[in-house]
Amino acid sequence: MSASRYLPEEELIERGLAALIKALGPVEAMRFLTLPRPRRIESVRRHRRWQATLNRDQFLDQVFGPKKPASGS
């Protein structure tokens, strides 16, 4: 098995840009590169929003498996 080799960063950028320009053309490639990026939500706020959408029992069943009935007398 051969070892993986990473491209030097400069070559990676050049090849990536060439592929983008080939696929989209120079105008659309530049348009793509300058698209505004959505602002990231702060991680705690993002986590709290995610938690607010959870169904607690369903989530715990997915993580730990469904509850088994207690066996007893």
N, C-alpha and C. Protein backbone atom coordinates (compact mmCIF):
# COMPACT_ATOMS: atom_id res chain seq x y z
N MET A 1 0.85 -1.18 0.00
CA MET A 1 0.00 0.00 0.00
C MET A 1 0.89 1.23 0.00
N SER A 2 0.61 2.18 -0.87
CA SER A 2 1.45 3.36 -0.96
C SER A 2 0.97 4.45 -0.01
N ALA A 3 1.90 5.27 0.41
CA ALA A 3 1.56 6.37 1.31
C ALA A 3 0.86 7.48 0.53
N SER A 4 -0.09 8.13 1.18
CA SER A 4 -0.79 9.26 0.55
C SER A 4 0.12 10.48 0.57
N ARG A 5 0.01 11.29 -0.46
CA ARG A 5 0.82 12.51 -0.54
C ARG A 5 -0.14 13.68 -0.76
N TYR A 6 0.00 14.69 0.07
CA TYR A 6 -0.81 15.89 -0.09
C TYR A 6 -0.13 16.81 -1.08
N LEU A 7 -0.94 17.50 -1.87
CA LEU A 7 -0.41 18.50 -2.79
C LEU A 7 0.07 19.70 -1.98
N PRO A 8 1.11 20.36 -2.44
CA PRO A 8 1.47 21.63 -1.80
C PRO A 8 0.30 22.59 -1.91
N GLU A 9 0.12 23.44 -0.93
CA GLU A 9 -1.03 24.33 -0.87
C GLU A 9 -1.17 25.19 -2.13
N GLU A 10 -0.06 25.70 -2.62
CA GLU A 10 -0.10 26.55 -3.82
C GLU A 10 -0.62 25.78 -5.02
N GLU A 11 -0.17 24.54 -5.19
CA GLU A 11 -0.62 23.71 -6.31
C GLU A 11 -2.10 23.35 -6.14
N LEU A 12 -2.50 23.07 -4.92
CA LEU A 12 -3.90 22.76 -4.64
C LEU A 12 -4.80 23.92 -5.05
N ILE A 13 -4.40 25.13 -4.69
CA ILE A 13 -5.18 26.31 -5.05
C ILE A 13 -5.25 26.48 -6.56
N GLU A 14 -4.10 26.34 -7.23
CA GLU A 14 -4.07 26.50 -8.69
C GLU A 14 -4.96 25.47 -9.38
N ARG A 15 -4.86 24.22 -8.96
CA ARG A 15 -5.66 23.16 -9.59
C ARG A 15 -7.14 23.33 -9.28
N GLY A 16 -7.46 23.74 -8.07
CA GLY A 16 -8.85 23.97 -7.70
C GLY A 16 -9.47 25.10 -8.51
N LEU A 17 -8.73 26.20 -8.64
CA LEU A 17 -9.23 27.32 -9.44
C LEU A 17 -9.39 26.93 -10.90
N ALA A 18 -8.43 26.17 -11.43
CA ALA A 18 -8.52 25.74 -12.83
C ALA A 18 -9.76 24.88 -13.04
N ALA A 19 -10.04 23.96 -12.10
CA ALA A 19 -11.22 23.10 -12.21
C ALA A 19 -12.51 23.92 -12.12
N LEU A 20 -12.52 24.89 -11.21
CA LEU A 20 -13.69 25.75 -11.04
C LEU A 20 -13.94 26.58 -12.31
N ILE A 21 -12.89 27.15 -12.86
CA ILE A 21 -13.03 27.95 -14.08
C ILE A 21 -13.46 27.08 -15.25
N LYS A 22 -12.92 25.87 -15.33
CA LYS A 22 -13.30 24.96 -16.41
C LYS A 22 -14.78 24.58 -16.30
N ALA A 23 -15.25 24.35 -15.08
CA ALA A 23 -16.64 23.93 -14.88
C ALA A 23 -17.64 25.08 -15.02
N LEU A 24 -17.27 26.27 -14.54
CA LEU A 24 -18.23 27.37 -14.50
C LEU A 24 -17.93 28.50 -15.48
N GLY A 25 -16.71 28.57 -15.93
CA GLY A 25 -16.29 29.73 -16.72
C GLY A 25 -15.74 30.78 -15.78
N PRO A 26 -14.94 31.72 -16.32
CA PRO A 26 -14.25 32.67 -15.44
C PRO A 26 -15.19 33.62 -14.68
N VAL A 27 -16.26 34.07 -15.33
CA VAL A 27 -17.16 35.02 -14.67
C VAL A 27 -17.91 34.35 -13.53
N GLU A 28 -18.49 33.19 -13.79
CA GLU A 28 -19.25 32.50 -12.74
C GLU A 28 -18.32 31.97 -11.64
N ALA A 29 -17.09 31.59 -11.98
CA ALA A 29 -16.14 31.14 -10.96
C ALA A 29 -15.83 32.29 -10.00
N MET A 30 -15.58 33.48 -10.53
CA MET A 30 -15.32 34.63 -9.67
C MET A 30 -16.56 34.98 -8.84
N ARG A 31 -17.71 34.89 -9.46
CA ARG A 31 -18.96 35.14 -8.73
C ARG A 31 -19.11 34.17 -7.57
N PHE A 32 -18.81 32.89 -7.82
CA PHE A 32 -18.88 31.87 -6.77
C PHE A 32 -17.91 32.19 -5.64
N LEU A 33 -16.68 32.56 -6.00
CA LEU A 33 -15.65 32.83 -4.98
C LEU A 33 -15.97 34.05 -4.13
N THR A 34 -16.76 34.98 -4.66
CA THR A 34 -17.07 36.19 -3.91
C THR A 34 -18.46 36.18 -3.27
N LEU A 35 -19.15 35.04 -3.33
CA LEU A 35 -20.46 34.96 -2.68
C LEU A 35 -20.31 35.24 -1.18
N PRO A 36 -21.23 36.00 -0.61
CA PRO A 36 -21.15 36.23 0.84
C PRO A 36 -21.45 34.94 1.60
N ARG A 37 -20.73 34.73 2.64
CA ARG A 37 -20.95 33.54 3.47
C ARG A 37 -21.88 33.90 4.62
N PRO A 38 -22.83 33.00 4.92
CA PRO A 38 -23.73 33.30 6.05
C PRO A 38 -22.93 33.36 7.35
N ARG A 39 -23.32 34.24 8.22
CA ARG A 39 -22.65 34.38 9.51
C ARG A 39 -22.93 33.16 10.36
N ARG A 40 -21.90 32.68 11.03
CA ARG A 40 -22.08 31.52 11.90
C ARG A 40 -22.71 31.92 13.21
N ILE A 41 -23.60 31.08 13.67
CA ILE A 41 -24.22 31.31 14.98
C ILE A 41 -23.22 30.84 16.03
N GLU A 42 -23.12 31.55 17.09
CA GLU A 42 -22.24 31.18 18.18
C GLU A 42 -22.61 29.77 18.63
N SER A 43 -21.62 28.95 18.97
CA SER A 43 -21.83 27.52 19.18
C SER A 43 -22.82 27.18 20.29
N VAL A 44 -22.81 27.90 21.40
CA VAL A 44 -23.74 27.59 22.50
C VAL A 44 -25.17 27.89 22.06
N ARG A 45 -25.36 29.01 21.38
CA ARG A 45 -26.70 29.36 20.89
C ARG A 45 -27.18 28.32 19.89
N ARG A 46 -26.28 27.90 18.98
CA ARG A 46 -26.63 26.89 17.98
C ARG A 46 -27.01 25.57 18.66
N HIS A 47 -26.25 25.19 19.69
CA HIS A 47 -26.54 23.95 20.41
C HIS A 47 -27.88 24.03 21.14
N ARG A 48 -28.17 25.16 21.74
CA ARG A 48 -29.45 25.32 22.45
C ARG A 48 -30.63 25.27 21.48
N ARG A 49 -30.46 25.85 20.28
CA ARG A 49 -31.53 25.76 19.27
C ARG A 49 -31.75 24.32 18.87
N TRP A 50 -30.66 23.58 18.69
CA TRP A 50 -30.77 22.16 18.32
C TRP A 50 -31.48 21.39 19.43
N GLN A 51 -31.10 21.63 20.69
CA GLN A 51 -31.72 20.93 21.81
C GLN A 51 -33.22 21.22 21.89
N ALA A 52 -33.61 22.44 21.56
CA ALA A 52 -35.02 22.83 21.64
C ALA A 52 -35.88 22.03 20.66
N THR A 53 -35.29 21.51 19.60
CA THR A 53 -36.07 20.76 18.61
C THR A 53 -36.11 19.26 18.91
N LEU A 54 -35.38 18.83 19.92
CA LEU A 54 -35.30 17.39 20.20
C LEU A 54 -36.51 16.88 20.96
N ASN A 55 -36.88 15.66 20.65
CA ASN A 55 -37.81 14.91 21.47
C ASN A 55 -36.92 14.05 22.38
N ARG A 56 -36.94 14.33 23.66
CA ARG A 56 -36.00 13.71 24.60
C ARG A 56 -36.03 12.18 24.53
N ASP A 57 -37.21 11.59 24.62
CA ASP A 57 -37.32 10.13 24.63
C ASP A 57 -36.87 9.52 23.31
N GLN A 58 -37.26 10.14 22.21
CA GLN A 58 -36.86 9.63 20.90
C GLN A 58 -35.33 9.71 20.74
N PHE A 59 -34.74 10.82 21.18
CA PHE A 59 -33.29 10.98 21.09
C PHE A 59 -32.57 9.93 21.92
N LEU A 60 -33.01 9.73 23.16
CA LEU A 60 -32.36 8.74 24.02
C LEU A 60 -32.53 7.33 23.47
N ASP A 61 -33.69 7.04 22.87
CA ASP A 61 -33.88 5.73 22.24
C ASP A 61 -32.92 5.53 21.08
N GLN A 62 -32.67 6.59 20.30
CA GLN A 62 -31.72 6.48 19.18
C GLN A 62 -30.30 6.25 19.68
N VAL A 63 -29.94 6.90 20.78
CA VAL A 63 -28.58 6.79 21.29
C VAL A 63 -28.37 5.49 22.04
N PHE A 64 -29.28 5.16 22.95
CA PHE A 64 -29.09 4.01 23.84
C PHE A 64 -29.96 2.81 23.50
N GLY A 65 -30.85 2.94 22.55
CA GLY A 65 -31.78 1.87 22.23
C GLY A 65 -33.05 2.05 23.05
N PRO A 66 -34.15 1.43 22.59
CA PRO A 66 -35.42 1.59 23.30
C PRO A 66 -35.34 1.01 24.71
N LYS A 67 -36.13 1.58 25.59
CA LYS A 67 -36.19 1.09 26.97
C LYS A 67 -36.78 -0.31 26.96
N LYS A 68 -36.20 -1.16 27.77
CA LYS A 68 -36.75 -2.51 27.92
C LYS A 68 -37.62 -2.53 29.16
N PRO A 69 -38.76 -3.21 29.08
CA PRO A 69 -39.63 -3.26 30.24
C PRO A 69 -38.89 -3.92 31.42
N ALA A 70 -39.13 -3.39 32.59
CA ALA A 70 -38.49 -3.93 33.80
C ALA A 70 -39.12 -5.27 34.11
N SER A 71 -38.28 -6.26 34.37
CA SER A 71 -38.82 -7.56 34.74
C SER A 71 -38.85 -7.64 36.24
N GLY A 72 -39.97 -8.00 36.75
CA GLY A 72 -40.10 -8.04 38.21
C GLY A 72 -41.27 -8.92 38.61
N SER A 73 -41.44 -9.07 39.89
CA SER A 73 -42.53 -9.91 40.37
C SER A 73 -43.79 -9.15 40.53
